[in-house]
Amino acid sequence: MMKKQWDVLKYSVEQGYAKEQFVHFNTNGTIFKPEYVEILKHFKQTDISFSIDGTGDYFEYIRYPAKWSDAENTMDTWINNTQDIPNIKFDLCFTFQITNVLNYGKMAEWAKDRNMRIYRNAVFSPKYYNATNIAEHIKDKVIDRIRSKSVKYPEIREEWEEIINHIRFEKADPDGWRRFLKVNNNLHKSRNQSFTKLFPEEAELFGLTGI
């Protein structure tokens, strides 16, 4: 989105510096332009890390008002247009929080289907999204549900355990959980998005009705 950076990168290419340079981008996966590929292919290595917090409704709820179909199409376009450029590589950063811990399996499968490395990043602030603040009386239910899910790739189970370890890392802050419920209720009112309709599995585990 910052147009000036492309001027700098083109200068590096024109001056012959790019062949010895490493470039890393973090992006929300909303922009693709063929001319960007033409610039980036000249660098010694280009890593593009898509910051994506879930598939489908999870993505659209957390990244409102973005649309999952648009982001998915943009990421696939990047991948499809760089298949023959080995120095451009992709990975995906999944930032997990209370809302999306159950969606990690689907997100990981999506990435691995595209031979993309996926790594996990925890939300610590605001604390009402920190997964450690899932109410203590339902933590075991959430963890059991995670472990009951089928996965396409065996390594996803081990990766999901990292999220479970975070959930168990410390006792929930009751105020954090209350704030999570309040914020979700406010989002329902302001966006006309029903958490219980979008995420019935979470709603059932969290004991939620009407939001």
N, C-alpha and C. Protein backbone atom coordinates (compact mmCIF):
# COMPACT_ATOMS: atom_id res chain seq x y z
N MET A 1 0.82 -1.21 0.00
CA MET A 1 0.00 0.00 0.00
C MET A 1 0.86 1.27 0.00
N MET A 2 2.07 1.19 0.55
CA MET A 2 2.96 2.35 0.58
C MET A 2 3.73 2.41 -0.75
N LYS A 3 3.29 3.30 -1.62
CA LYS A 3 3.83 3.33 -2.98
C LYS A 3 5.32 3.67 -3.01
N LYS A 4 5.78 4.46 -2.04
CA LYS A 4 7.18 4.88 -2.03
C LYS A 4 8.13 3.69 -1.92
N GLN A 5 7.70 2.66 -1.21
CA GLN A 5 8.59 1.51 -1.04
C GLN A 5 8.93 0.85 -2.37
N TRP A 6 7.99 0.88 -3.31
CA TRP A 6 8.24 0.25 -4.61
C TRP A 6 9.25 1.05 -5.42
N ASP A 7 9.28 2.36 -5.20
CA ASP A 7 10.33 3.17 -5.83
C ASP A 7 11.70 2.77 -5.30
N VAL A 8 11.78 2.55 -4.01
CA VAL A 8 13.05 2.15 -3.39
C VAL A 8 13.48 0.78 -3.90
N LEU A 9 12.54 -0.16 -3.98
CA LEU A 9 12.87 -1.51 -4.44
C LEU A 9 13.28 -1.50 -5.92
N LYS A 10 12.59 -0.70 -6.72
CA LYS A 10 12.99 -0.59 -8.14
C LYS A 10 14.40 0.00 -8.26
N TYR A 11 14.71 0.94 -7.40
CA TYR A 11 16.06 1.53 -7.41
C TYR A 11 17.10 0.46 -7.10
N SER A 12 16.81 -0.40 -6.13
CA SER A 12 17.73 -1.48 -5.78
C SER A 12 17.95 -2.42 -6.97
N VAL A 13 16.87 -2.69 -7.70
CA VAL A 13 16.99 -3.55 -8.89
C VAL A 13 17.84 -2.85 -9.95
N GLU A 14 17.54 -1.59 -10.21
CA GLU A 14 18.25 -0.85 -11.25
C GLU A 14 19.74 -0.71 -10.96
N GLN A 15 20.08 -0.58 -9.68
CA GLN A 15 21.48 -0.41 -9.29
C GLN A 15 22.22 -1.74 -9.11
N GLY A 16 21.50 -2.83 -9.25
CA GLY A 16 22.13 -4.14 -9.11
C GLY A 16 22.28 -4.62 -7.68
N TYR A 17 21.68 -3.91 -6.73
CA TYR A 17 21.79 -4.30 -5.32
C TYR A 17 20.89 -5.49 -4.99
N ALA A 18 19.76 -5.59 -5.69
CA ALA A 18 18.71 -6.54 -5.31
C ALA A 18 19.20 -7.98 -5.27
N LYS A 19 20.12 -8.34 -6.15
CA LYS A 19 20.56 -9.73 -6.22
C LYS A 19 21.27 -10.19 -4.95
N GLU A 20 21.63 -9.25 -4.06
CA GLU A 20 22.26 -9.60 -2.79
C GLU A 20 21.38 -9.22 -1.60
N GLN A 21 20.13 -8.85 -1.87
CA GLN A 21 19.26 -8.36 -0.80
C GLN A 21 18.12 -9.32 -0.50
N PHE A 22 17.71 -9.30 0.76
CA PHE A 22 16.60 -10.11 1.27
C PHE A 22 15.45 -9.16 1.62
N VAL A 23 14.25 -9.48 1.15
CA VAL A 23 13.08 -8.65 1.42
C VAL A 23 12.02 -9.49 2.13
N HIS A 24 11.42 -8.90 3.16
CA HIS A 24 10.34 -9.59 3.89
C HIS A 24 9.15 -8.65 4.00
N PHE A 25 7.97 -9.15 3.64
CA PHE A 25 6.73 -8.40 3.77
C PHE A 25 5.77 -9.12 4.71
N ASN A 26 5.10 -8.36 5.58
CA ASN A 26 3.90 -8.84 6.26
C ASN A 26 2.71 -8.16 5.60
N THR A 27 1.71 -8.94 5.22
CA THR A 27 0.59 -8.37 4.48
C THR A 27 -0.72 -9.05 4.87
N ASN A 28 -1.81 -8.30 4.75
CA ASN A 28 -3.13 -8.89 5.04
C ASN A 28 -3.75 -9.56 3.83
N GLY A 29 -2.97 -9.68 2.74
CA GLY A 29 -3.44 -10.45 1.60
C GLY A 29 -4.55 -9.80 0.81
N THR A 30 -4.51 -8.49 0.66
CA THR A 30 -5.57 -7.81 -0.07
C THR A 30 -5.12 -7.20 -1.39
N ILE A 31 -3.81 -7.18 -1.65
CA ILE A 31 -3.30 -6.50 -2.84
C ILE A 31 -2.40 -7.42 -3.66
N PHE A 32 -2.64 -7.45 -4.96
CA PHE A 32 -1.73 -8.10 -5.89
C PHE A 32 -1.64 -7.25 -7.15
N LYS A 33 -0.41 -7.03 -7.61
CA LYS A 33 -0.18 -6.37 -8.89
C LYS A 33 0.95 -7.09 -9.60
N PRO A 34 0.78 -7.41 -10.88
CA PRO A 34 1.84 -8.11 -11.62
C PRO A 34 3.18 -7.38 -11.58
N GLU A 35 3.15 -6.04 -11.55
CA GLU A 35 4.42 -5.31 -11.55
C GLU A 35 5.20 -5.52 -10.25
N TYR A 36 4.49 -5.87 -9.18
CA TYR A 36 5.20 -6.17 -7.94
C TYR A 36 6.03 -7.44 -8.09
N VAL A 37 5.47 -8.43 -8.76
CA VAL A 37 6.22 -9.66 -9.01
C VAL A 37 7.45 -9.37 -9.85
N GLU A 38 7.29 -8.52 -10.85
CA GLU A 38 8.41 -8.18 -11.73
C GLU A 38 9.55 -7.52 -10.97
N ILE A 39 9.23 -6.80 -9.91
CA ILE A 39 10.27 -6.19 -9.07
C ILE A 39 10.87 -7.21 -8.13
N LEU A 40 10.03 -7.94 -7.42
CA LEU A 40 10.49 -8.83 -6.35
C LEU A 40 11.28 -10.03 -6.87
N LYS A 41 11.05 -10.42 -8.09
CA LYS A 41 11.75 -11.60 -8.62
C LYS A 41 13.25 -11.37 -8.76
N HIS A 42 13.70 -10.13 -8.72
CA HIS A 42 15.11 -9.82 -8.88
C HIS A 42 15.89 -9.90 -7.57
N PHE A 43 15.21 -10.03 -6.45
CA PHE A 43 15.90 -10.04 -5.16
C PHE A 43 16.43 -11.44 -4.85
N LYS A 44 17.48 -11.46 -4.06
CA LYS A 44 18.08 -12.75 -3.68
C LYS A 44 17.03 -13.65 -3.05
N GLN A 45 16.20 -13.07 -2.16
CA GLN A 45 15.08 -13.81 -1.59
C GLN A 45 14.00 -12.83 -1.18
N THR A 46 12.76 -13.18 -1.46
CA THR A 46 11.61 -12.40 -1.02
C THR A 46 10.68 -13.32 -0.24
N ASP A 47 10.43 -12.98 1.00
CA ASP A 47 9.48 -13.73 1.83
C ASP A 47 8.24 -12.88 2.02
N ILE A 48 7.10 -13.44 1.71
CA ILE A 48 5.82 -12.76 1.89
C ILE A 48 5.02 -13.54 2.92
N SER A 49 4.73 -12.89 4.04
CA SER A 49 4.01 -13.54 5.14
C SER A 49 2.59 -12.98 5.20
N PHE A 50 1.62 -13.84 4.92
CA PHE A 50 0.22 -13.43 4.99
C PHE A 50 -0.27 -13.50 6.43
N SER A 51 -0.78 -12.40 6.92
CA SER A 51 -1.33 -12.36 8.28
C SER A 51 -2.83 -12.63 8.20
N ILE A 52 -3.20 -13.88 8.47
CA ILE A 52 -4.58 -14.34 8.28
C ILE A 52 -5.02 -15.10 9.53
N ASP A 53 -6.16 -14.71 10.10
CA ASP A 53 -6.56 -15.23 11.41
C ASP A 53 -7.70 -16.24 11.36
N GLY A 54 -7.96 -16.79 10.19
CA GLY A 54 -9.00 -17.79 10.12
C GLY A 54 -9.56 -17.89 8.72
N THR A 55 -10.33 -18.94 8.49
CA THR A 55 -11.00 -19.15 7.22
C THR A 55 -12.45 -18.68 7.31
N GLY A 56 -13.03 -18.37 6.17
CA GLY A 56 -14.46 -18.11 6.10
C GLY A 56 -14.97 -17.07 7.10
N ASP A 57 -15.98 -17.46 7.88
CA ASP A 57 -16.61 -16.54 8.83
C ASP A 57 -15.63 -16.05 9.89
N TYR A 58 -14.66 -16.88 10.27
CA TYR A 58 -13.68 -16.45 11.26
C TYR A 58 -12.89 -15.25 10.74
N PHE A 59 -12.43 -15.35 9.51
CA PHE A 59 -11.68 -14.25 8.90
C PHE A 59 -12.55 -13.00 8.84
N GLU A 60 -13.78 -13.14 8.38
CA GLU A 60 -14.63 -11.98 8.17
C GLU A 60 -15.07 -11.34 9.48
N TYR A 61 -15.15 -12.13 10.56
CA TYR A 61 -15.52 -11.58 11.86
C TYR A 61 -14.34 -10.83 12.48
N ILE A 62 -13.16 -11.44 12.42
CA ILE A 62 -11.98 -10.85 13.05
C ILE A 62 -11.44 -9.69 12.23
N ARG A 63 -11.49 -9.82 10.90
CA ARG A 63 -10.93 -8.80 10.00
C ARG A 63 -12.02 -7.95 9.34
N TYR A 64 -13.14 -7.83 9.99
CA TYR A 64 -14.26 -7.05 9.47
C TYR A 64 -13.78 -5.68 9.00
N PRO A 65 -14.24 -5.23 7.80
CA PRO A 65 -15.25 -5.78 6.89
C PRO A 65 -14.63 -6.55 5.71
N ALA A 66 -13.42 -7.07 5.86
CA ALA A 66 -12.78 -7.82 4.78
C ALA A 66 -13.59 -9.07 4.44
N LYS A 67 -13.44 -9.53 3.19
CA LYS A 67 -14.14 -10.73 2.74
C LYS A 67 -13.14 -11.86 2.50
N TRP A 68 -13.44 -13.04 3.01
CA TRP A 68 -12.55 -14.18 2.88
C TRP A 68 -12.31 -14.54 1.41
N SER A 69 -13.34 -14.51 0.60
CA SER A 69 -13.18 -14.88 -0.82
C SER A 69 -12.18 -13.95 -1.51
N ASP A 70 -12.18 -12.67 -1.15
CA ASP A 70 -11.23 -11.73 -1.75
C ASP A 70 -9.81 -12.03 -1.30
N ALA A 71 -9.63 -12.24 -0.01
CA ALA A 71 -8.29 -12.53 0.51
C ALA A 71 -7.76 -13.84 -0.05
N GLU A 72 -8.61 -14.86 -0.08
CA GLU A 72 -8.20 -16.17 -0.60
C GLU A 72 -7.79 -16.05 -2.07
N ASN A 73 -8.58 -15.32 -2.84
CA ASN A 73 -8.27 -15.15 -4.26
C ASN A 73 -6.94 -14.40 -4.45
N THR A 74 -6.70 -13.37 -3.63
CA THR A 74 -5.47 -12.61 -3.75
C THR A 74 -4.26 -13.47 -3.41
N MET A 75 -4.36 -14.25 -2.33
CA MET A 75 -3.23 -15.12 -1.96
C MET A 75 -2.96 -16.17 -3.02
N ASP A 76 -4.02 -16.78 -3.53
CA ASP A 76 -3.84 -17.78 -4.59
C ASP A 76 -3.25 -17.14 -5.85
N THR A 77 -3.62 -15.90 -6.12
CA THR A 77 -3.07 -15.20 -7.28
C THR A 77 -1.56 -14.98 -7.11
N TRP A 78 -1.15 -14.58 -5.91
CA TRP A 78 0.29 -14.45 -5.63
C TRP A 78 1.01 -15.78 -5.88
N ILE A 79 0.45 -16.84 -5.34
CA ILE A 79 1.09 -18.16 -5.45
C ILE A 79 1.15 -18.60 -6.91
N ASN A 80 0.03 -18.48 -7.60
CA ASN A 80 -0.04 -18.96 -8.99
C ASN A 80 0.87 -18.17 -9.93
N ASN A 81 1.11 -16.90 -9.63
CA ASN A 81 1.92 -16.06 -10.50
C ASN A 81 3.40 -16.07 -10.14
N THR A 82 3.77 -16.87 -9.17
CA THR A 82 5.18 -16.94 -8.77
C THR A 82 5.70 -18.38 -8.72
N GLN A 83 4.94 -19.32 -9.28
CA GLN A 83 5.32 -20.73 -9.19
C GLN A 83 6.69 -21.02 -9.80
N ASP A 84 7.07 -20.24 -10.80
CA ASP A 84 8.35 -20.47 -11.47
C ASP A 84 9.44 -19.52 -10.99
N ILE A 85 9.20 -18.89 -9.83
CA ILE A 85 10.19 -17.95 -9.27
C ILE A 85 10.59 -18.47 -7.90
N PRO A 86 11.64 -19.27 -7.82
CA PRO A 86 11.98 -19.95 -6.56
C PRO A 86 12.43 -19.03 -5.43
N ASN A 87 12.83 -17.81 -5.75
CA ASN A 87 13.29 -16.92 -4.68
C ASN A 87 12.15 -16.17 -3.99
N ILE A 88 10.91 -16.32 -4.46
CA ILE A 88 9.74 -15.74 -3.78
C ILE A 88 9.04 -16.85 -3.01
N LYS A 89 9.00 -16.69 -1.70
CA LYS A 89 8.42 -17.72 -0.84
C LYS A 89 7.31 -17.12 0.01
N PHE A 90 6.38 -17.99 0.44
CA PHE A 90 5.22 -17.54 1.20
C PHE A 90 5.09 -18.33 2.50
N ASP A 91 4.58 -17.64 3.53
CA ASP A 91 4.13 -18.35 4.73
C ASP A 91 2.89 -17.63 5.25
N LEU A 92 2.31 -18.19 6.30
CA LEU A 92 1.08 -17.63 6.84
C LEU A 92 1.20 -17.53 8.36
N CYS A 93 0.88 -16.36 8.88
CA CYS A 93 0.89 -16.14 10.33
C CYS A 93 -0.55 -16.16 10.85
N PHE A 94 -0.83 -17.12 11.72
CA PHE A 94 -2.16 -17.26 12.32
C PHE A 94 -2.08 -16.70 13.74
N THR A 95 -2.73 -15.57 13.97
CA THR A 95 -2.75 -14.98 15.31
C THR A 95 -3.98 -15.50 16.04
N PHE A 96 -3.72 -16.32 17.07
CA PHE A 96 -4.86 -16.98 17.72
C PHE A 96 -5.31 -16.23 18.96
N GLN A 97 -6.60 -16.37 19.20
CA GLN A 97 -7.26 -15.70 20.30
C GLN A 97 -8.51 -16.52 20.65
N ILE A 98 -9.29 -16.02 21.59
CA ILE A 98 -10.45 -16.79 22.07
C ILE A 98 -11.37 -17.18 20.91
N THR A 99 -11.60 -16.27 19.98
CA THR A 99 -12.58 -16.50 18.93
C THR A 99 -12.19 -17.62 17.97
N ASN A 100 -10.90 -17.79 17.69
CA ASN A 100 -10.51 -18.65 16.57
C ASN A 100 -9.68 -19.88 16.92
N VAL A 101 -9.54 -20.21 18.22
CA VAL A 101 -8.68 -21.36 18.56
C VAL A 101 -9.19 -22.66 17.94
N LEU A 102 -10.50 -22.79 17.76
CA LEU A 102 -11.05 -24.01 17.18
C LEU A 102 -10.88 -24.07 15.67
N ASN A 103 -10.53 -22.96 15.05
CA ASN A 103 -10.41 -22.90 13.59
C ASN A 103 -9.00 -23.19 13.10
N TYR A 104 -8.05 -23.38 14.02
CA TYR A 104 -6.66 -23.53 13.57
C TYR A 104 -6.51 -24.70 12.59
N GLY A 105 -7.18 -25.80 12.83
CA GLY A 105 -7.04 -26.97 11.96
C GLY A 105 -7.37 -26.66 10.52
N LYS A 106 -8.49 -25.99 10.29
CA LYS A 106 -8.90 -25.64 8.92
C LYS A 106 -7.93 -24.65 8.30
N MET A 107 -7.47 -23.69 9.11
CA MET A 107 -6.53 -22.70 8.59
C MET A 107 -5.21 -23.36 8.21
N ALA A 108 -4.74 -24.28 9.06
CA ALA A 108 -3.48 -24.97 8.79
C ALA A 108 -3.61 -25.85 7.55
N GLU A 109 -4.74 -26.52 7.40
CA GLU A 109 -4.94 -27.35 6.21
C GLU A 109 -4.92 -26.49 4.96
N TRP A 110 -5.56 -25.33 5.02
CA TRP A 110 -5.58 -24.42 3.87
C TRP A 110 -4.16 -24.04 3.47
N ALA A 111 -3.34 -23.70 4.45
CA ALA A 111 -1.96 -23.29 4.16
C ALA A 111 -1.14 -24.47 3.64
N LYS A 112 -1.25 -25.60 4.29
CA LYS A 112 -0.44 -26.76 3.91
C LYS A 112 -0.85 -27.32 2.55
N ASP A 113 -2.12 -27.17 2.19
CA ASP A 113 -2.55 -27.56 0.84
C ASP A 113 -1.79 -26.78 -0.23
N ARG A 114 -1.32 -25.60 0.16
CA ARG A 114 -0.60 -24.73 -0.78
C ARG A 114 0.91 -24.74 -0.52
N ASN A 115 1.35 -25.72 0.27
CA ASN A 115 2.77 -25.85 0.61
C ASN A 115 3.31 -24.61 1.29
N MET A 116 2.47 -23.96 2.06
CA MET A 116 2.87 -22.78 2.80
C MET A 116 3.13 -23.14 4.26
N ARG A 117 4.25 -22.68 4.80
CA ARG A 117 4.51 -22.84 6.21
C ARG A 117 3.53 -21.96 6.98
N ILE A 118 3.01 -22.49 8.08
CA ILE A 118 2.13 -21.69 8.94
C ILE A 118 2.74 -21.64 10.33
N TYR A 119 2.76 -20.45 10.90
CA TYR A 119 3.23 -20.35 12.28
C TYR A 119 2.19 -19.59 13.10
N ARG A 120 2.31 -19.71 14.40
CA ARG A 120 1.28 -19.26 15.31
C ARG A 120 1.79 -18.10 16.17
N ASN A 121 0.91 -17.14 16.36
CA ASN A 121 1.22 -15.95 17.15
C ASN A 121 0.05 -15.69 18.08
N ALA A 122 0.32 -15.53 19.38
CA ALA A 122 -0.75 -15.37 20.36
C ALA A 122 -1.10 -13.90 20.58
N VAL A 123 -2.38 -13.62 20.77
CA VAL A 123 -2.83 -12.30 21.19
C VAL A 123 -2.62 -12.19 22.70
N PHE A 124 -1.93 -11.15 23.12
CA PHE A 124 -1.77 -10.88 24.55
C PHE A 124 -2.55 -9.63 24.97
N SER A 125 -2.73 -8.73 24.03
CA SER A 125 -3.45 -7.51 24.33
C SER A 125 -4.31 -7.16 23.11
N PRO A 126 -5.55 -6.77 23.31
CA PRO A 126 -6.24 -6.61 24.58
C PRO A 126 -6.49 -7.96 25.27
N LYS A 127 -6.45 -7.94 26.58
CA LYS A 127 -6.49 -9.19 27.34
C LYS A 127 -7.80 -9.94 27.15
N TYR A 128 -8.86 -9.24 26.72
CA TYR A 128 -10.14 -9.94 26.57
C TYR A 128 -10.17 -10.81 25.32
N TYR A 129 -9.11 -10.78 24.51
CA TYR A 129 -8.99 -11.74 23.42
C TYR A 129 -7.92 -12.81 23.69
N ASN A 130 -7.12 -12.61 24.71
CA ASN A 130 -6.07 -13.57 25.05
C ASN A 130 -6.70 -14.91 25.41
N ALA A 131 -6.28 -15.98 24.72
CA ALA A 131 -6.90 -17.29 24.91
C ALA A 131 -6.70 -17.86 26.32
N THR A 132 -5.73 -17.33 27.08
CA THR A 132 -5.60 -17.77 28.47
C THR A 132 -6.82 -17.36 29.29
N ASN A 133 -7.57 -16.38 28.80
CA ASN A 133 -8.71 -15.87 29.56
C ASN A 133 -10.03 -16.53 29.18
N ILE A 134 -9.97 -17.64 28.45
CA ILE A 134 -11.16 -18.49 28.35
C ILE A 134 -11.52 -18.92 29.76
N ALA A 135 -12.78 -18.78 30.13
CA ALA A 135 -13.19 -19.05 31.51
C ALA A 135 -12.71 -20.43 31.97
N GLU A 136 -12.21 -20.50 33.20
CA GLU A 136 -11.61 -21.73 33.71
C GLU A 136 -12.55 -22.92 33.64
N HIS A 137 -13.83 -22.69 33.87
CA HIS A 137 -14.76 -23.82 33.93
C HIS A 137 -15.06 -24.41 32.55
N ILE A 138 -14.61 -23.74 31.47
CA ILE A 138 -14.85 -24.31 30.14
C ILE A 138 -13.55 -24.61 29.39
N LYS A 139 -12.40 -24.31 29.98
CA LYS A 139 -11.12 -24.55 29.29
C LYS A 139 -10.97 -26.01 28.87
N ASP A 140 -11.25 -26.92 29.79
CA ASP A 140 -11.07 -28.35 29.46
C ASP A 140 -12.01 -28.78 28.34
N LYS A 141 -13.21 -28.21 28.31
CA LYS A 141 -14.16 -28.54 27.24
C LYS A 141 -13.62 -28.06 25.89
N VAL A 142 -13.06 -26.87 25.87
CA VAL A 142 -12.50 -26.33 24.63
C VAL A 142 -11.32 -27.19 24.16
N ILE A 143 -10.46 -27.55 25.11
CA ILE A 143 -9.29 -28.36 24.77
C ILE A 143 -9.71 -29.74 24.27
N ASP A 144 -10.68 -30.35 24.94
CA ASP A 144 -11.18 -31.65 24.49
C ASP A 144 -11.76 -31.57 23.09
N ARG A 145 -12.45 -30.47 22.79
CA ARG A 145 -13.03 -30.30 21.46
C ARG A 145 -11.94 -30.16 20.41
N ILE A 146 -10.89 -29.41 20.74
CA ILE A 146 -9.76 -29.28 19.82
C ILE A 146 -9.17 -30.65 19.51
N ARG A 147 -8.93 -31.43 20.55
CA ARG A 147 -8.28 -32.73 20.37
C ARG A 147 -9.17 -33.75 19.71
N SER A 148 -10.47 -33.50 19.66
CA SER A 148 -11.39 -34.45 19.01
C SER A 148 -11.51 -34.21 17.52
N LYS A 149 -10.98 -33.10 17.04
CA LYS A 149 -11.16 -32.75 15.63
C LYS A 149 -10.24 -33.58 14.74
N SER A 150 -10.76 -33.98 13.60
CA SER A 150 -9.94 -34.70 12.61
C SER A 150 -9.06 -33.71 11.87
N VAL A 151 -7.88 -34.16 11.51
CA VAL A 151 -6.95 -33.28 10.79
C VAL A 151 -6.40 -34.00 9.57
N LYS A 152 -6.15 -33.24 8.52
CA LYS A 152 -5.66 -33.78 7.27
C LYS A 152 -4.18 -34.10 7.33
N TYR A 153 -3.44 -33.30 8.09
CA TYR A 153 -1.99 -33.47 8.21
C TYR A 153 -1.65 -33.76 9.67
N PRO A 154 -0.96 -34.88 9.96
CA PRO A 154 -0.69 -35.27 11.35
C PRO A 154 0.02 -34.20 12.17
N GLU A 155 0.89 -33.41 11.54
CA GLU A 155 1.65 -32.43 12.31
C GLU A 155 0.78 -31.32 12.87
N ILE A 156 -0.44 -31.19 12.35
CA ILE A 156 -1.33 -30.15 12.86
C ILE A 156 -1.66 -30.40 14.33
N ARG A 157 -1.74 -31.67 14.72
CA ARG A 157 -2.05 -31.97 16.12
C ARG A 157 -0.97 -31.40 17.05
N GLU A 158 0.27 -31.60 16.67
CA GLU A 158 1.38 -31.08 17.49
C GLU A 158 1.35 -29.55 17.52
N GLU A 159 1.06 -28.95 16.38
CA GLU A 159 0.99 -27.49 16.31
C GLU A 159 -0.15 -26.96 17.17
N TRP A 160 -1.28 -27.65 17.15
CA TRP A 160 -2.43 -27.24 17.95
C TRP A 160 -2.12 -27.33 19.45
N GLU A 161 -1.23 -28.26 19.83
CA GLU A 161 -0.85 -28.39 21.23
C GLU A 161 -0.16 -27.13 21.73
N GLU A 162 0.53 -26.41 20.84
CA GLU A 162 1.14 -25.14 21.24
C GLU A 162 0.06 -24.16 21.67
N ILE A 163 -1.06 -24.16 20.96
CA ILE A 163 -2.17 -23.28 21.33
C ILE A 163 -2.77 -23.73 22.65
N ILE A 164 -2.92 -25.05 22.83
CA ILE A 164 -3.44 -25.58 24.09
C ILE A 164 -2.53 -25.19 25.25
N ASN A 165 -1.23 -25.28 25.05
CA ASN A 165 -0.29 -24.89 26.11
C ASN A 165 -0.46 -23.42 26.48
N HIS A 166 -0.75 -22.60 25.50
CA HIS A 166 -0.98 -21.19 25.79
C HIS A 166 -2.28 -21.01 26.58
N ILE A 167 -3.33 -21.72 26.19
CA ILE A 167 -4.60 -21.62 26.90
C ILE A 167 -4.41 -21.97 28.37
N ARG A 168 -3.56 -22.96 28.64
CA ARG A 168 -3.34 -23.44 30.00
C ARG A 168 -2.21 -22.70 30.73
N PHE A 169 -1.56 -21.77 30.05
CA PHE A 169 -0.36 -21.15 30.59
C PHE A 169 -0.59 -20.49 31.94
N GLU A 170 -1.73 -19.86 32.10
CA GLU A 170 -2.07 -19.25 33.38
C GLU A 170 -3.59 -19.25 33.55
N LYS A 171 -4.03 -19.03 34.76
CA LYS A 171 -5.46 -19.01 35.04
C LYS A 171 -6.12 -17.81 34.37
N ALA A 172 -7.35 -18.03 34.00
CA ALA A 172 -8.10 -16.97 33.33
C ALA A 172 -8.32 -15.79 34.26
N ASP A 173 -8.24 -14.62 33.69
CA ASP A 173 -8.63 -13.40 34.40
C ASP A 173 -10.13 -13.22 34.20
N PRO A 174 -10.93 -13.34 35.26
CA PRO A 174 -12.39 -13.24 35.09
C PRO A 174 -12.83 -11.96 34.40
N ASP A 175 -12.10 -10.87 34.66
CA ASP A 175 -12.45 -9.61 34.01
C ASP A 175 -12.22 -9.69 32.50
N GLY A 176 -11.16 -10.40 32.09
CA GLY A 176 -10.90 -10.58 30.67
C GLY A 176 -12.02 -11.32 29.99
N TRP A 177 -12.53 -12.37 30.64
CA TRP A 177 -13.63 -13.14 30.06
C TRP A 177 -14.90 -12.31 29.98
N ARG A 178 -15.19 -11.54 31.04
CA ARG A 178 -16.39 -10.68 31.03
C ARG A 178 -16.29 -9.65 29.91
N ARG A 179 -15.10 -9.09 29.72
CA ARG A 179 -14.92 -8.11 28.66
C ARG A 179 -15.10 -8.74 27.28
N PHE A 180 -14.62 -9.98 27.11
CA PHE A 180 -14.81 -10.68 25.84
C PHE A 180 -16.29 -10.79 25.52
N LEU A 181 -17.09 -11.21 26.49
CA LEU A 181 -18.53 -11.36 26.27
C LEU A 181 -19.18 -10.01 25.96
N LYS A 182 -18.75 -8.98 26.66
CA LYS A 182 -19.32 -7.64 26.44
C LYS A 182 -18.97 -7.12 25.06
N VAL A 183 -17.70 -7.27 24.67
CA VAL A 183 -17.27 -6.79 23.35
C VAL A 183 -18.01 -7.52 22.24
N ASN A 184 -18.16 -8.84 22.38
CA ASN A 184 -18.89 -9.59 21.36
C ASN A 184 -20.33 -9.13 21.26
N ASN A 185 -20.93 -8.83 22.39
CA ASN A 185 -22.30 -8.36 22.39
C ASN A 185 -22.41 -7.01 21.69
N ASN A 186 -21.42 -6.15 21.93
CA ASN A 186 -21.42 -4.84 21.28
C ASN A 186 -21.21 -4.96 19.77
N LEU A 187 -20.35 -5.90 19.37
CA LEU A 187 -20.14 -6.11 17.93
C LEU A 187 -21.42 -6.59 17.27
N HIS A 188 -22.15 -7.44 17.98
CA HIS A 188 -23.43 -7.92 17.44
C HIS A 188 -24.36 -6.74 17.16
N LYS A 189 -24.36 -5.78 18.06
CA LYS A 189 -25.25 -4.63 17.90
C LYS A 189 -24.76 -3.69 16.80
N SER A 190 -23.46 -3.42 16.78
CA SER A 190 -22.93 -2.42 15.85
C SER A 190 -22.80 -2.95 14.42
N ARG A 191 -22.51 -4.24 14.28
CA ARG A 191 -22.31 -4.82 12.94
C ARG A 191 -23.49 -5.64 12.46
N ASN A 192 -24.40 -5.95 13.37
CA ASN A 192 -25.49 -6.88 13.08
C ASN A 192 -24.93 -8.26 12.71
N GLN A 193 -23.89 -8.67 13.43
CA GLN A 193 -23.30 -10.00 13.27
C GLN A 193 -23.59 -10.82 14.53
N SER A 194 -24.24 -11.93 14.38
CA SER A 194 -24.58 -12.77 15.52
C SER A 194 -23.48 -13.81 15.75
N PHE A 195 -22.79 -13.69 16.87
CA PHE A 195 -21.73 -14.64 17.20
C PHE A 195 -22.29 -16.06 17.27
N THR A 196 -23.44 -16.23 17.87
CA THR A 196 -24.00 -17.57 18.05
C THR A 196 -24.39 -18.21 16.72
N LYS A 197 -24.81 -17.41 15.75
CA LYS A 197 -25.15 -17.95 14.44
C LYS A 197 -23.91 -18.26 13.61
N LEU A 198 -22.91 -17.38 13.71
CA LEU A 198 -21.69 -17.58 12.95
C LEU A 198 -20.86 -18.72 13.50
N PHE A 199 -20.84 -18.84 14.83
CA PHE A 199 -19.96 -19.81 15.49
C PHE A 199 -20.74 -20.64 16.51
N PRO A 200 -21.63 -21.49 16.04
CA PRO A 200 -22.47 -22.26 16.96
C PRO A 200 -21.67 -23.18 17.87
N GLU A 201 -20.54 -23.70 17.37
CA GLU A 201 -19.73 -24.59 18.19
C GLU A 201 -19.13 -23.83 19.38
N GLU A 202 -18.57 -22.66 19.11
CA GLU A 202 -18.03 -21.85 20.19
C GLU A 202 -19.14 -21.39 21.14
N ALA A 203 -20.26 -20.99 20.57
CA ALA A 203 -21.37 -20.52 21.39
C ALA A 203 -21.84 -21.60 22.36
N GLU A 204 -21.89 -22.82 21.85
CA GLU A 204 -22.30 -23.94 22.71
C GLU A 204 -21.29 -24.17 23.84
N LEU A 205 -20.01 -24.15 23.50
CA LEU A 205 -18.98 -24.36 24.52
C LEU A 205 -18.92 -23.21 25.52
N PHE A 206 -19.11 -21.99 25.02
CA PHE A 206 -19.02 -20.81 25.88
C PHE A 206 -20.30 -20.54 26.66
N GLY A 207 -21.35 -21.28 26.34
CA GLY A 207 -22.62 -21.10 27.03
C GLY A 207 -23.32 -19.80 26.64
N LEU A 208 -23.19 -19.42 25.36
CA LEU A 208 -23.74 -18.16 24.90
C LEU A 208 -25.08 -18.37 24.19
N THR A 209 -25.96 -17.43 24.38
CA THR A 209 -27.23 -17.42 23.66
C THR A 209 -27.57 -15.97 23.34
N GLY A 210 -28.11 -15.74 22.17
CA GLY A 210 -28.67 -14.44 21.87
C GLY A 210 -27.70 -13.39 21.37
N ILE A 211 -26.38 -13.71 21.24
CA ILE A 211 -25.49 -12.68 20.69
C ILE A 211 -24.79 -13.24 19.45
